[in-house]
Amino acid sequence: MKAVLVDSDVLIEVLRQADAGIAAKWEAMLENETLLMYSPVTAAEVWHGVRDREQTRVAAAFSVMACVPIDHEIGQKAGQYLRSYHASHNIGLGDALIAASAVLHEIPLWTRNRKHYPMKELKLC
């Protein structure tokens, strides 16, 4: 089964339903039974901005995805990314954790913010 780690910016666009291309790709992945995954970082970023009237829709979006846990190995890899890319690319902790999760679980990252992810071993979709 193919899997994809969904970045926060993509999930927000899916929830807004303002980008037809993103919506079509999301639906195609669901139809093709792609395992859509997210990081706890994405959950925190999305839930932080949710309004009361949006909670049901956000919960429904998360219900079709699986959460990739953050463990010590991911934390260590994220720290290496921060050390390597923070100064040159302004990489933050959240992006480093998401990138490390994708790399260590060997799944591509679906993001619109490619400049936040300069890691050579990271596969983007």
PDB file of N, CA and C in Angstrom:
ATOM      1  N   MET A   1       0.842  -1.178   0.000  1.00  0.00           N
ATOM      2  CA  MET A   1       0.000   0.000   0.000  1.00  0.00           C
ATOM      3  C   MET A   1       0.886   1.240   0.000  1.00  0.00           C
ATOM      4  N   LYS A   2       0.567   2.171  -0.837  1.00  0.00           N
ATOM      5  CA  LYS A   2       1.303   3.420  -0.908  1.00  0.00           C
ATOM      6  C   LYS A   2       0.882   4.333   0.244  1.00  0.00           C
ATOM      7  N   ALA A   3       1.853   5.042   0.794  1.00  0.00           N
ATOM      8  CA  ALA A   3       1.578   5.970   1.897  1.00  0.00           C
ATOM      9  C   ALA A   3       2.162   7.339   1.563  1.00  0.00           C
ATOM     10  N   VAL A   4       1.558   8.382   2.117  1.00  0.00           N
ATOM     11  CA  VAL A   4       1.995   9.763   1.943  1.00  0.00           C
ATOM     12  C   VAL A   4       1.824  10.485   3.274  1.00  0.00           C
ATOM     13  N   LEU A   5       2.836  11.254   3.660  1.00  0.00           N
ATOM     14  CA  LEU A   5       2.722  12.100   4.844  1.00  0.00           C
ATOM     15  C   LEU A   5       2.217  13.465   4.391  1.00  0.00           C
ATOM     16  N   VAL A   6       1.088  13.886   4.917  1.00  0.00           N
ATOM     17  CA  VAL A   6       0.436  15.131   4.515  1.00  0.00           C
ATOM     18  C   VAL A   6       0.921  16.260   5.423  1.00  0.00           C
ATOM     19  N   ASP A   7       1.493  17.299   4.823  1.00  0.00           N
ATOM     20  CA  ASP A   7       1.964  18.451   5.575  1.00  0.00           C
ATOM     21  C   ASP A   7       0.780  19.336   5.978  1.00  0.00           C
ATOM     22  N   SER A   8       0.995  20.137   6.977  1.00  0.00           N
ATOM     23  CA  SER A   8      -0.050  21.016   7.516  1.00  0.00           C
ATOM     24  C   SER A   8      -0.648  21.917   6.452  1.00  0.00           C
ATOM     25  N   ASP A   9       0.193  22.501   5.602  1.00  0.00           N
ATOM     26  CA  ASP A   9      -0.305  23.439   4.598  1.00  0.00           C
ATOM     27  C   ASP A   9      -1.245  22.767   3.609  1.00  0.00           C
ATOM     28  N   VAL A  10      -0.982  21.515   3.278  1.00  0.00           N
ATOM     29  CA  VAL A  10      -1.853  20.780   2.361  1.00  0.00           C
ATOM     30  C   VAL A  10      -3.183  20.469   3.043  1.00  0.00           C
ATOM     31  N   LEU A  11      -3.134  19.992   4.268  1.00  0.00           N
ATOM     32  CA  LEU A  11      -4.376  19.668   4.976  1.00  0.00           C
ATOM     33  C   LEU A  11      -5.240  20.913   5.157  1.00  0.00           C
ATOM     34  N   ILE A  12      -4.623  22.035   5.442  1.00  0.00           N
ATOM     35  CA  ILE A  12      -5.381  23.279   5.573  1.00  0.00           C
ATOM     36  C   ILE A  12      -6.074  23.623   4.251  1.00  0.00           C
ATOM     37  N   GLU A  13      -5.378  23.433   3.142  1.00  0.00           N
ATOM     38  CA  GLU A  13      -6.000  23.693   1.831  1.00  0.00           C
ATOM     39  C   GLU A  13      -7.139  22.718   1.555  1.00  0.00           C
ATOM     40  N   VAL A  14      -6.968  21.467   1.950  1.00  0.00           N
ATOM     41  CA  VAL A  14      -8.046  20.483   1.790  1.00  0.00           C
ATOM     42  C   VAL A  14      -9.271  20.942   2.580  1.00  0.00           C
ATOM     43  N   LEU A  15      -9.051  21.394   3.798  1.00  0.00           N
ATOM     44  CA  LEU A  15     -10.162  21.832   4.649  1.00  0.00           C
ATOM     45  C   LEU A  15     -10.828  23.100   4.122  1.00  0.00           C
ATOM     46  N   ARG A  16     -10.061  23.990   3.564  1.00  0.00           N
ATOM     47  CA  ARG A  16     -10.611  25.239   3.010  1.00  0.00           C
ATOM     48  C   ARG A  16     -11.370  25.000   1.712  1.00  0.00           C
ATOM     49  N   GLN A  17     -11.011  23.957   1.005  1.00  0.00           N
ATOM     50  CA  GLN A  17     -11.634  23.615  -0.278  1.00  0.00           C
ATOM     51  C   GLN A  17     -11.542  24.759  -1.281  1.00  0.00           C
ATOM     52  N   ALA A  18     -10.434  25.480  -1.266  1.00  0.00           N
ATOM     53  CA  ALA A  18     -10.258  26.620  -2.160  1.00  0.00           C
ATOM     54  C   ALA A  18      -9.362  26.298  -3.358  1.00  0.00           C
ATOM     55  N   ASP A  19      -8.617  25.206  -3.299  1.00  0.00           N
ATOM     56  CA  ASP A  19      -7.688  24.836  -4.365  1.00  0.00           C
ATOM     57  C   ASP A  19      -8.177  23.542  -5.000  1.00  0.00           C
ATOM     58  N   ALA A  20      -8.707  23.652  -6.209  1.00  0.00           N
ATOM     59  CA  ALA A  20      -9.279  22.485  -6.889  1.00  0.00           C
ATOM     60  C   ALA A  20      -8.239  21.399  -7.143  1.00  0.00           C
ATOM     61  N   GLY A  21      -7.016  21.794  -7.435  1.00  0.00           N
ATOM     62  CA  GLY A  21      -5.956  20.822  -7.692  1.00  0.00           C
ATOM     63  C   GLY A  21      -5.631  19.990  -6.466  1.00  0.00           C
ATOM     64  N   ILE A  22      -5.524  20.650  -5.320  1.00  0.00           N
ATOM     65  CA  ILE A  22      -5.257  19.942  -4.061  1.00  0.00           C
ATOM     66  C   ILE A  22      -6.434  19.025  -3.733  1.00  0.00           C
ATOM     67  N   ALA A  23      -7.639  19.523  -3.878  1.00  0.00           N
ATOM     68  CA  ALA A  23      -8.831  18.721  -3.582  1.00  0.00           C
ATOM     69  C   ALA A  23      -8.900  17.490  -4.480  1.00  0.00           C
ATOM     70  N   ALA A  24      -8.578  17.651  -5.757  1.00  0.00           N
ATOM     71  CA  ALA A  24      -8.619  16.530  -6.689  1.00  0.00           C
ATOM     72  C   ALA A  24      -7.561  15.485  -6.336  1.00  0.00           C
ATOM     73  N   LYS A  25      -6.371  15.941  -5.971  1.00  0.00           N
ATOM     74  CA  LYS A  25      -5.303  15.007  -5.601  1.00  0.00           C
ATOM     75  C   LYS A  25      -5.679  14.253  -4.324  1.00  0.00           C
ATOM     76  N   TRP A  26      -6.265  14.957  -3.352  1.00  0.00           N
ATOM     77  CA  TRP A  26      -6.719  14.334  -2.107  1.00  0.00           C
ATOM     78  C   TRP A  26      -7.734  13.233  -2.408  1.00  0.00           C
ATOM     79  N   GLU A  27      -8.730  13.567  -3.219  1.00  0.00           N
ATOM     80  CA  GLU A  27      -9.774  12.592  -3.563  1.00  0.00           C
ATOM     81  C   GLU A  27      -9.188  11.407  -4.317  1.00  0.00           C
ATOM     82  N   ALA A  28      -8.247  11.669  -5.230  1.00  0.00           N
ATOM     83  CA  ALA A  28      -7.620  10.576  -5.976  1.00  0.00           C
ATOM     84  C   ALA A  28      -6.845   9.650  -5.041  1.00  0.00           C
ATOM     85  N   MET A  29      -6.162  10.218  -4.071  1.00  0.00           N
ATOM     86  CA  MET A  29      -5.426   9.398  -3.114  1.00  0.00           C
ATOM     87  C   MET A  29      -6.381   8.548  -2.286  1.00  0.00           C
ATOM     88  N   LEU A  30      -7.488   9.127  -1.869  1.00  0.00           N
ATOM     89  CA  LEU A  30      -8.473   8.356  -1.104  1.00  0.00           C
ATOM     90  C   LEU A  30      -9.042   7.220  -1.960  1.00  0.00           C
ATOM     91  N   GLU A  31      -9.364   7.513  -3.213  1.00  0.00           N
ATOM     92  CA  GLU A  31      -9.927   6.502  -4.113  1.00  0.00           C
ATOM     93  C   GLU A  31      -8.928   5.388  -4.400  1.00  0.00           C
ATOM     94  N   ASN A  32      -7.637   5.748  -4.476  1.00  0.00           N
ATOM     95  CA  ASN A  32      -6.588   4.760  -4.750  1.00  0.00           C
ATOM     96  C   ASN A  32      -6.121   4.050  -3.485  1.00  0.00           C
ATOM     97  N   GLU A  33      -6.798   4.315  -2.380  1.00  0.00           N
ATOM     98  CA  GLU A  33      -6.486   3.712  -1.085  1.00  0.00           C
ATOM     99  C   GLU A  33      -5.056   4.004  -0.627  1.00  0.00           C
ATOM    100  N   THR A  34      -4.581   5.201  -0.961  1.00  0.00           N
ATOM    101  CA  THR A  34      -3.296   5.651  -0.450  1.00  0.00           C
ATOM    102  C   THR A  34      -3.449   5.875   1.045  1.00  0.00           C
ATOM    103  N   LEU A  35      -2.489   5.396   1.816  1.00  0.00           N
ATOM    104  CA  LEU A  35      -2.520   5.614   3.255  1.00  0.00           C
ATOM    105  C   LEU A  35      -2.068   7.044   3.522  1.00  0.00           C
ATOM    106  N   LEU A  36      -3.004   7.906   3.890  1.00  0.00           N
ATOM    107  CA  LEU A  36      -2.699   9.299   4.209  1.00  0.00           C
ATOM    108  C   LEU A  36      -2.299   9.371   5.677  1.00  0.00           C
ATOM    109  N   MET A  37      -1.146   9.950   5.921  1.00  0.00           N
ATOM    110  CA  MET A  37      -0.615  10.022   7.278  1.00  0.00           C
ATOM    111  C   MET A  37      -0.353  11.475   7.643  1.00  0.00           C
ATOM    112  N   TYR A  38      -0.281  11.742   8.942  1.00  0.00           N
ATOM    113  CA  TYR A  38       0.031  13.082   9.426  1.00  0.00           C
ATOM    114  C   TYR A  38       0.895  12.976  10.665  1.00  0.00           C
ATOM    115  N   SER A  39       1.587  14.054  10.936  1.00  0.00           N
ATOM    116  CA  SER A  39       2.419  14.149  12.132  1.00  0.00           C
ATOM    117  C   SER A  39       1.613  14.802  13.256  1.00  0.00           C
ATOM    118  N   PRO A  40       1.936  14.496  14.516  1.00  0.00           N
ATOM    119  CA  PRO A  40       1.316  15.228  15.619  1.00  0.00           C
ATOM    120  C   PRO A  40       1.556  16.743  15.504  1.00  0.00           C
ATOM    121  N   VAL A  41       2.632  17.124  14.845  1.00  0.00           N
ATOM    122  CA  VAL A  41       2.900  18.550  14.607  1.00  0.00           C
ATOM    123  C   VAL A  41       1.780  19.139  13.747  1.00  0.00           C
ATOM    124  N   THR A  42       1.395  18.418  12.711  1.00  0.00           N
ATOM    125  CA  THR A  42       0.300  18.870  11.850  1.00  0.00           C
ATOM    126  C   THR A  42      -1.001  18.959  12.641  1.00  0.00           C
ATOM    127  N   ALA A  43      -1.263  17.967  13.467  1.00  0.00           N
ATOM    128  CA  ALA A  43      -2.475  18.010  14.295  1.00  0.00           C
ATOM    129  C   ALA A  43      -2.486  19.265  15.154  1.00  0.00           C
ATOM    130  N   ALA A  44      -1.373  19.573  15.787  1.00  0.00           N
ATOM    131  CA  ALA A  44      -1.301  20.762  16.645  1.00  0.00           C
ATOM    132  C   ALA A  44      -1.491  22.036  15.834  1.00  0.00           C
ATOM    133  N   GLU A  45      -0.835  22.115  14.676  1.00  0.00           N
ATOM    134  CA  GLU A  45      -0.942  23.325  13.853  1.00  0.00           C
ATOM    135  C   GLU A  45      -2.356  23.530  13.338  1.00  0.00           C
ATOM    136  N   VAL A  46      -3.007  22.459  12.908  1.00  0.00           N
ATOM    137  CA  VAL A  46      -4.370  22.585  12.381  1.00  0.00           C
ATOM    138  C   VAL A  46      -5.364  22.872  13.495  1.00  0.00           C
ATOM    139  N   TRP A  47      -5.321  22.101  14.578  1.00  0.00           N
ATOM    140  CA  TRP A  47      -6.281  22.308  15.668  1.00  0.00           C
ATOM    141  C   TRP A  47      -6.107  23.669  16.328  1.00  0.00           C
ATOM    142  N   HIS A  48      -4.918  24.210  16.293  1.00  0.00           N
ATOM    143  CA  HIS A  48      -4.678  25.541  16.866  1.00  0.00           C
ATOM    144  C   HIS A  48      -5.561  26.603  16.215  1.00  0.00           C
ATOM    145  N   GLY A  49      -5.804  26.473  14.914  1.00  0.00           N
ATOM    146  CA  GLY A  49      -6.566  27.493  14.197  1.00  0.00           C
ATOM    147  C   GLY A  49      -8.017  27.172  13.938  1.00  0.00           C
ATOM    148  N   VAL A  50      -8.530  26.087  14.493  1.00  0.00           N
ATOM    149  CA  VAL A  50      -9.896  25.655  14.199  1.00  0.00           C
ATOM    150  C   VAL A  50     -10.920  26.493  14.957  1.00  0.00           C
ATOM    151  N   ARG A  51     -11.930  26.920  14.208  1.00  0.00           N
ATOM    152  CA  ARG A  51     -13.069  27.615  14.816  1.00  0.00           C
ATOM    153  C   ARG A  51     -14.095  26.563  15.230  1.00  0.00           C
ATOM    154  N   ASP A  52     -14.963  26.927  16.156  1.00  0.00           N
ATOM    155  CA  ASP A  52     -15.965  25.978  16.664  1.00  0.00           C
ATOM    156  C   ASP A  52     -16.771  25.335  15.542  1.00  0.00           C
ATOM    157  N   ARG A  53     -17.187  26.113  14.567  1.00  0.00           N
ATOM    158  CA  ARG A  53     -18.032  25.583  13.487  1.00  0.00           C
ATOM    159  C   ARG A  53     -17.276  24.652  12.538  1.00  0.00           C
ATOM    160  N   GLU A  54     -15.943  24.614  12.628  1.00  0.00           N
ATOM    161  CA  GLU A  54     -15.119  23.790  11.744  1.00  0.00           C
ATOM    162  C   GLU A  54     -14.696  22.461  12.378  1.00  0.00           C
ATOM    163  N   GLN A  55     -14.978  22.278  13.643  1.00  0.00           N
ATOM    164  CA  GLN A  55     -14.450  21.123  14.369  1.00  0.00           C
ATOM    165  C   GLN A  55     -14.893  19.786  13.777  1.00  0.00           C
ATOM    166  N   THR A  56     -16.124  19.671  13.365  1.00  0.00           N
ATOM    167  CA  THR A  56     -16.616  18.409  12.809  1.00  0.00           C
ATOM    168  C   THR A  56     -15.899  18.077  11.509  1.00  0.00           C
ATOM    169  N   ARG A  57     -15.729  19.073  10.659  1.00  0.00           N
ATOM    170  CA  ARG A  57     -15.056  18.854   9.371  1.00  0.00           C
ATOM    171  C   ARG A  57     -13.592  18.493   9.569  1.00  0.00           C
ATOM    172  N   VAL A  58     -12.934  19.136  10.516  1.00  0.00           N
ATOM    173  CA  VAL A  58     -11.524  18.846  10.797  1.00  0.00           C
ATOM    174  C   VAL A  58     -11.382  17.441  11.371  1.00  0.00           C
ATOM    175  N   ALA A  59     -12.248  17.087  12.295  1.00  0.00           N
ATOM    176  CA  ALA A  59     -12.206  15.744  12.865  1.00  0.00           C
ATOM    177  C   ALA A  59     -12.434  14.687  11.781  1.00  0.00           C
ATOM    178  N   ALA A  60     -13.324  14.960  10.839  1.00  0.00           N
ATOM    179  CA  ALA A  60     -13.579  14.019   9.746  1.00  0.00           C
ATOM    180  C   ALA A  60     -12.332  13.851   8.869  1.00  0.00           C
ATOM    181  N   ALA A  61     -11.627  14.933   8.603  1.00  0.00           N
ATOM    182  CA  ALA A  61     -10.398  14.852   7.794  1.00  0.00           C
ATOM    183  C   ALA A  61      -9.340  14.010   8.502  1.00  0.00           C
ATOM    184  N   PHE A  62      -9.158  14.235   9.786  1.00  0.00           N
ATOM    185  CA  PHE A  62      -8.171  13.446  10.530  1.00  0.00           C
ATOM    186  C   PHE A  62      -8.593  11.978  10.636  1.00  0.00           C
ATOM    187  N   SER A  63      -9.894  11.702  10.622  1.00  0.00           N
ATOM    188  CA  SER A  63     -10.363  10.329  10.797  1.00  0.00           C
ATOM    189  C   SER A  63     -10.001   9.410   9.627  1.00  0.00           C
ATOM    190  N   VAL A  64      -9.706   9.973   8.468  1.00  0.00           N
ATOM    191  CA  VAL A  64      -9.330   9.146   7.316  1.00  0.00           C
ATOM    192  C   VAL A  64      -7.809   9.006   7.193  1.00  0.00           C
ATOM    193  N   MET A  65      -7.086   9.539   8.175  1.00  0.00           N
ATOM    194  CA  MET A  65      -5.630   9.487   8.143  1.00  0.00           C
ATOM    195  C   MET A  65      -5.100   8.732   9.364  1.00  0.00           C
ATOM    196  N   ALA A  66      -3.837   8.373   9.281  1.00  0.00           N
ATOM    197  CA  ALA A  66      -3.152   7.712  10.393  1.00  0.00           C
ATOM    198  C   ALA A  66      -2.059   8.635  10.908  1.00  0.00           C
ATOM    199  N   CYS A  67      -1.853   8.631  12.202  1.00  0.00           N
ATOM    200  CA  CYS A  67      -0.845   9.490  12.827  1.00  0.00           C
ATOM    201  C   CYS A  67       0.497   8.758  12.905  1.00  0.00           C
ATOM    202  N   VAL A  68       1.544   9.434  12.485  1.00  0.00           N
ATOM    203  CA  VAL A  68       2.905   8.911  12.605  1.00  0.00           C
ATOM    204  C   VAL A  68       3.434   9.386  13.957  1.00  0.00           C
ATOM    205  N   PRO A  69       3.735   8.476  14.861  1.00  0.00           N
ATOM    206  CA  PRO A  69       4.213   8.907  16.181  1.00  0.00           C
ATOM    207  C   PRO A  69       5.620   9.507  16.098  1.00  0.00           C
ATOM    208  N   ILE A  70       5.878  10.424  16.990  1.00  0.00           N
ATOM    209  CA  ILE A  70       7.214  11.004  17.108  1.00  0.00           C
ATOM    210  C   ILE A  70       7.922  10.292  18.248  1.00  0.00           C
ATOM    211  N   ASP A  71       9.079   9.719  17.935  1.00  0.00           N
ATOM    212  CA  ASP A  71       9.843   9.007  18.949  1.00  0.00           C
ATOM    213  C   ASP A  71      11.251   9.601  19.053  1.00  0.00           C
ATOM    214  N   HIS A  72      12.086   8.969  19.836  1.00  0.00           N
ATOM    215  CA  HIS A  72      13.440   9.466  20.059  1.00  0.00           C
ATOM    216  C   HIS A  72      14.238   9.566  18.756  1.00  0.00           C
ATOM    217  N   GLU A  73      14.130   8.557  17.917  1.00  0.00           N
ATOM    218  CA  GLU A  73      14.883   8.543  16.653  1.00  0.00           C
ATOM    219  C   GLU A  73      14.470   9.707  15.754  1.00  0.00           C
ATOM    220  N   ILE A  74      13.172   9.986  15.697  1.00  0.00           N
ATOM    221  CA  ILE A  74      12.690  11.118  14.910  1.00  0.00           C
ATOM    222  C   ILE A  74      13.173  12.422  15.533  1.00  0.00           C
ATOM    223  N   GLY A  75      13.127  12.515  16.856  1.00  0.00           N
ATOM    224  CA  GLY A  75      13.642  13.709  17.526  1.00  0.00           C
ATOM    225  C   GLY A  75      15.114  13.943  17.239  1.00  0.00           C
ATOM    226  N   GLN A  76      15.890  12.880  17.250  1.00  0.00           N
ATOM    227  CA  GLN A  76      17.324  12.998  16.967  1.00  0.00           C
ATOM    228  C   GLN A  76      17.557  13.465  15.529  1.00  0.00           C
ATOM    229  N   LYS A  77      16.837  12.869  14.577  1.00  0.00           N
ATOM    230  CA  LYS A  77      16.982  13.255  13.171  1.00  0.00           C
ATOM    231  C   LYS A  77      16.537  14.699  12.974  1.00  0.00           C
ATOM    232  N   ALA A  78      15.452  15.096  13.620  1.00  0.00           N
ATOM    233  CA  ALA A  78      14.979  16.476  13.525  1.00  0.00           C
ATOM    234  C   ALA A  78      16.034  17.437  14.067  1.00  0.00           C
ATOM    235  N   GLY A  79      16.683  17.063  15.147  1.00  0.00           N
ATOM    236  CA  GLY A  79      17.760  17.892  15.691  1.00  0.00           C
ATOM    237  C   GLY A  79      18.908  18.052  14.707  1.00  0.00           C
ATOM    238  N   GLN A  80      19.242  16.982  13.997  1.00  0.00           N
ATOM    239  CA  GLN A  80      20.279  17.068  12.969  1.00  0.00           C
ATOM    240  C   GLN A  80      19.853  18.016  11.851  1.00  0.00           C
ATOM    241  N   TYR A  81      18.584  17.943  11.454  1.00  0.00           N
ATOM    242  CA  TYR A  81      18.084  18.851  10.422  1.00  0.00           C
ATOM    243  C   TYR A  81      18.129  20.304  10.889  1.00  0.00           C
ATOM    244  N   LEU A  82      17.758  20.541  12.129  1.00  0.00           N
ATOM    245  CA  LEU A  82      17.816  21.901  12.659  1.00  0.00           C
ATOM    246  C   LEU A  82      19.250  22.427  12.648  1.00  0.00           C
ATOM    247  N   ARG A  83      20.169  21.596  13.067  1.00  0.00           N
ATOM    248  CA  ARG A  83      21.576  21.989  13.089  1.00  0.00           C
ATOM    249  C   ARG A  83      22.077  22.293  11.671  1.00  0.00           C
ATOM    250  N   SER A  84      21.644  21.510  10.710  1.00  0.00           N
ATOM    251  CA  SER A  84      22.113  21.667   9.333  1.00  0.00           C
ATOM    252  C   SER A  84      21.409  22.776   8.559  1.00  0.00           C
ATOM    253  N   TYR A  85      20.130  22.997   8.812  1.00  0.00           N
ATOM    254  CA  TYR A  85      19.339  23.858   7.934  1.00  0.00           C
ATOM    255  C   TYR A  85      18.682  25.066   8.586  1.00  0.00           C
ATOM    256  N   HIS A  86      18.745  25.191   9.895  1.00  0.00           N
ATOM    257  CA  HIS A  86      18.055  26.322  10.527  1.00  0.00           C
ATOM    258  C   HIS A  86      18.612  27.659  10.055  1.00  0.00           C
ATOM    259  N   ALA A  87      19.912  27.807  10.098  1.00  0.00           N
ATOM    260  CA  ALA A  87      20.519  29.088   9.730  1.00  0.00           C
ATOM    261  C   ALA A  87      20.366  29.391   8.241  1.00  0.00           C
ATOM    262  N   SER A  88      20.549  28.393   7.402  1.00  0.00           N
ATOM    263  CA  SER A  88      20.530  28.630   5.957  1.00  0.00           C
ATOM    264  C   SER A  88      19.123  28.681   5.362  1.00  0.00           C
ATOM    265  N   HIS A  89      18.168  27.950   5.929  1.00  0.00           N
ATOM    266  CA  HIS A  89      16.825  27.847   5.354  1.00  0.00           C
ATOM    267  C   HIS A  89      15.713  28.238   6.329  1.00  0.00           C
ATOM    268  N   ASN A  90      16.103  28.679   7.522  1.00  0.00           N
ATOM    269  CA  ASN A  90      15.130  29.084   8.539  1.00  0.00           C
ATOM    270  C   ASN A  90      14.146  27.959   8.873  1.00  0.00           C
ATOM    271  N   ILE A  91      14.668  26.731   8.950  1.00  0.00           N
ATOM    272  CA  ILE A  91      13.845  25.571   9.276  1.00  0.00           C
ATOM    273  C   ILE A  91      13.463  25.630  10.749  1.00  0.00           C
ATOM    274  N   GLY A  92      12.176  25.438  11.020  1.00  0.00           N
ATOM    275  CA  GLY A  92      11.694  25.422  12.393  1.00  0.00           C
ATOM    276  C   GLY A  92      11.546  24.002  12.910  1.00  0.00           C
ATOM    277  N   LEU A  93      11.286  23.887  14.191  1.00  0.00           N
ATOM    278  CA  LEU A  93      11.157  22.588  14.840  1.00  0.00           C
ATOM    279  C   LEU A  93      10.067  21.737  14.192  1.00  0.00           C
ATOM    280  N   GLY A  94       8.917  22.319  13.923  1.00  0.00           N
ATOM    281  CA  GLY A  94       7.817  21.559  13.328  1.00  0.00           C
ATOM    282  C   GLY A  94       8.187  20.954  11.991  1.00  0.00           C
ATOM    283  N   ASP A  95       8.786  21.756  11.116  1.00  0.00           N
ATOM    284  CA  ASP A  95       9.187  21.247   9.809  1.00  0.00           C
ATOM    285  C   ASP A  95      10.272  20.186   9.934  1.00  0.00           C
ATOM    286  N   ALA A  96      11.187  20.359  10.866  1.00  0.00           N
ATOM    287  CA  ALA A  96      12.244  19.360  11.077  1.00  0.00           C
ATOM    288  C   ALA A  96      11.649  18.033  11.547  1.00  0.00           C
ATOM    289  N   LEU A  97      10.670  18.083  12.454  1.00  0.00           N
ATOM    290  CA  LEU A  97      10.024  16.858  12.932  1.00  0.00           C
ATOM    291  C   LEU A  97       9.231  16.173  11.819  1.00  0.00           C
ATOM    292  N   ILE A  98       8.544  16.949  11.011  1.00  0.00           N
ATOM    293  CA  ILE A  98       7.776  16.384   9.902  1.00  0.00           C
ATOM    294  C   ILE A  98       8.712  15.736   8.895  1.00  0.00           C
ATOM    295  N   ALA A  99       9.793  16.420   8.538  1.00  0.00           N
ATOM    296  CA  ALA A  99      10.757  15.862   7.582  1.00  0.00           C
ATOM    297  C   ALA A  99      11.385  14.586   8.120  1.00  0.00           C
ATOM    298  N   ALA A 100      11.779  14.596   9.371  1.00  0.00           N
ATOM    299  CA  ALA A 100      12.386  13.404   9.973  1.00  0.00           C
ATOM    300  C   ALA A 100      11.401  12.239   9.982  1.00  0.00           C
ATOM    301  N   SER A 101      10.145  12.515  10.249  1.00  0.00           N
ATOM    302  CA  SER A 101       9.122  11.463  10.239  1.00  0.00           C
ATOM    303  C   SER A 101       9.006  10.838   8.854  1.00  0.00           C
ATOM    304  N   ALA A 102       8.967  11.666   7.824  1.00  0.00           N
ATOM    305  CA  ALA A 102       8.854  11.155   6.455  1.00  0.00           C
ATOM    306  C   ALA A 102      10.081  10.335   6.072  1.00  0.00           C
ATOM    307  N   VAL A 103      11.247  10.847   6.379  1.00  0.00           N
ATOM    308  CA  VAL A 103      12.485  10.158   6.003  1.00  0.00           C
ATOM    309  C   VAL A 103      12.607   8.823   6.726  1.00  0.00           C
ATOM    310  N   LEU A 104      12.411   8.819   8.026  1.00  0.00           N
ATOM    311  CA  LEU A 104      12.615   7.590   8.788  1.00  0.00           C
ATOM    312  C   LEU A 104      11.532   6.537   8.541  1.00  0.00           C
ATOM    313  N   HIS A 105      10.343   6.972   8.149  1.00  0.00           N
ATOM    314  CA  HIS A 105       9.286   6.017   7.805  1.00  0.00           C
ATOM    315  C   HIS A 105       9.272   5.707   6.310  1.00  0.00           C
ATOM    316  N   GLU A 106      10.204   6.337   5.583  1.00  0.00           N
ATOM    317  CA  GLU A 106      10.376   6.099   4.153  1.00  0.00           C
ATOM    318  C   GLU A 106       9.095   6.329   3.361  1.00  0.00           C
ATOM    319  N   ILE A 107       8.449   7.461   3.634  1.00  0.00           N
ATOM    320  CA  ILE A 107       7.249   7.847   2.897  1.00  0.00           C
ATOM    321  C   ILE A 107       7.436   9.262   2.368  1.00  0.00           C
ATOM    322  N   PRO A 108       6.896   9.551   1.186  1.00  0.00           N
ATOM    323  CA  PRO A 108       7.034  10.902   0.640  1.00  0.00           C
ATOM    324  C   PRO A 108       6.175  11.904   1.409  1.00  0.00           C
ATOM    325  N   LEU A 109       6.619  13.134   1.384  1.00  0.00           N
ATOM    326  CA  LEU A 109       5.904  14.234   2.034  1.00  0.00           C
ATOM    327  C   LEU A 109       5.163  15.032   0.978  1.00  0.00           C
ATOM    328  N   TRP A 110       3.872  15.245   1.209  1.00  0.00           N
ATOM    329  CA  TRP A 110       3.062  16.083   0.326  1.00  0.00           C
ATOM    330  C   TRP A 110       2.983  17.457   0.965  1.00  0.00           C
ATOM    331  N   THR A 111       3.669  18.410   0.367  1.00  0.00           N
ATOM    332  CA  THR A 111       3.712  19.770   0.901  1.00  0.00           C
ATOM    333  C   THR A 111       3.667  20.782  -0.228  1.00  0.00           C
ATOM    334  N   ARG A 112       3.224  21.962   0.085  1.00  0.00           N
ATOM    335  CA  ARG A 112       3.280  23.083  -0.857  1.00  0.00           C
ATOM    336  C   ARG A 112       4.477  23.974  -0.541  1.00  0.00           C
ATOM    337  N   ASN A 113       5.087  23.783   0.620  1.00  0.00           N
ATOM    338  CA  ASN A 113       6.206  24.612   1.079  1.00  0.00           C
ATOM    339  C   ASN A 113       7.533  23.878   0.880  1.00  0.00           C
ATOM    340  N   ARG A 114       7.877  23.625  -0.350  1.00  0.00           N
ATOM    341  CA  ARG A 114       9.094  22.866  -0.646  1.00  0.00           C
ATOM    342  C   ARG A 114      10.354  23.550  -0.133  1.00  0.00           C
ATOM    343  N   LYS A 115      10.346  24.862  -0.038  1.00  0.00           N
ATOM    344  CA  LYS A 115      11.544  25.577   0.443  1.00  0.00           C
ATOM    345  C   LYS A 115      11.825  25.274   1.918  1.00  0.00           C
ATOM    346  N   HIS A 116      10.827  24.802   2.651  1.00  0.00           N
ATOM    347  CA  HIS A 116      11.024  24.440   4.058  1.00  0.00           C
ATOM    348  C   HIS A 116      11.673  23.082   4.224  1.00  0.00           C
ATOM    349  N   TYR A 117      11.834  22.364   3.116  1.00  0.00           N
ATOM    350  CA  TYR A 117      12.319  20.986   3.178  1.00  0.00           C
ATOM    351  C   TYR A 117      13.480  20.743   2.204  1.00  0.00           C
ATOM    352  N   PRO A 118      14.659  21.290   2.516  1.00  0.00           N
ATOM    353  CA  PRO A 118      15.806  21.115   1.618  1.00  0.00           C
ATOM    354  C   PRO A 118      16.564  19.800   1.799  1.00  0.00           C
ATOM    355  N   MET A 119      16.090  18.942   2.659  1.00  0.00           N
ATOM    356  CA  MET A 119      16.787  17.697   2.969  1.00  0.00           C
ATOM    357  C   MET A 119      16.863  16.808   1.723  1.00  0.00           C
ATOM    358  N   LYS A 120      18.073  16.432   1.350  1.00  0.00           N
ATOM    359  CA  LYS A 120      18.282  15.685   0.108  1.00  0.00           C
ATOM    360  C   LYS A 120      17.631  14.318   0.121  1.00  0.00           C
ATOM    361  N   GLU A 121      17.590  13.657   1.255  1.00  0.00           N
ATOM    362  CA  GLU A 121      17.024  12.304   1.310  1.00  0.00           C
ATOM    363  C   GLU A 121      15.499  12.293   1.439  1.00  0.00           C
ATOM    364  N   LEU A 122      14.894  13.464   1.588  1.00  0.00           N
ATOM    365  CA  LEU A 122      13.441  13.560   1.723  1.00  0.00           C
ATOM    366  C   LEU A 122      12.783  13.487   0.347  1.00  0.00           C
ATOM    367  N   LYS A 123      11.836  12.575   0.203  1.00  0.00           N
ATOM    368  CA  LYS A 123      11.072  12.459  -1.044  1.00  0.00           C
ATOM    369  C   LYS A 123       9.824  13.331  -0.915  1.00  0.00           C
ATOM    370  N   LEU A 124       9.596  14.172  -1.921  1.00  0.00           N
ATOM    371  CA  LEU A 124       8.423  15.033  -1.940  1.00  0.00           C
ATOM    372  C   LEU A 124       7.473  14.564  -3.042  1.00  0.00           C
ATOM    373  N   CYS A 125       6.194  14.785  -2.816  1.00  0.00           N
ATOM    374  CA  CYS A 125       5.236  14.436  -3.872  1.00  0.00           C
ATOM    375  C   CYS A 125       4.307  15.617  -4.128  1.00  0.00           C
TER     376      CYS A 125
END
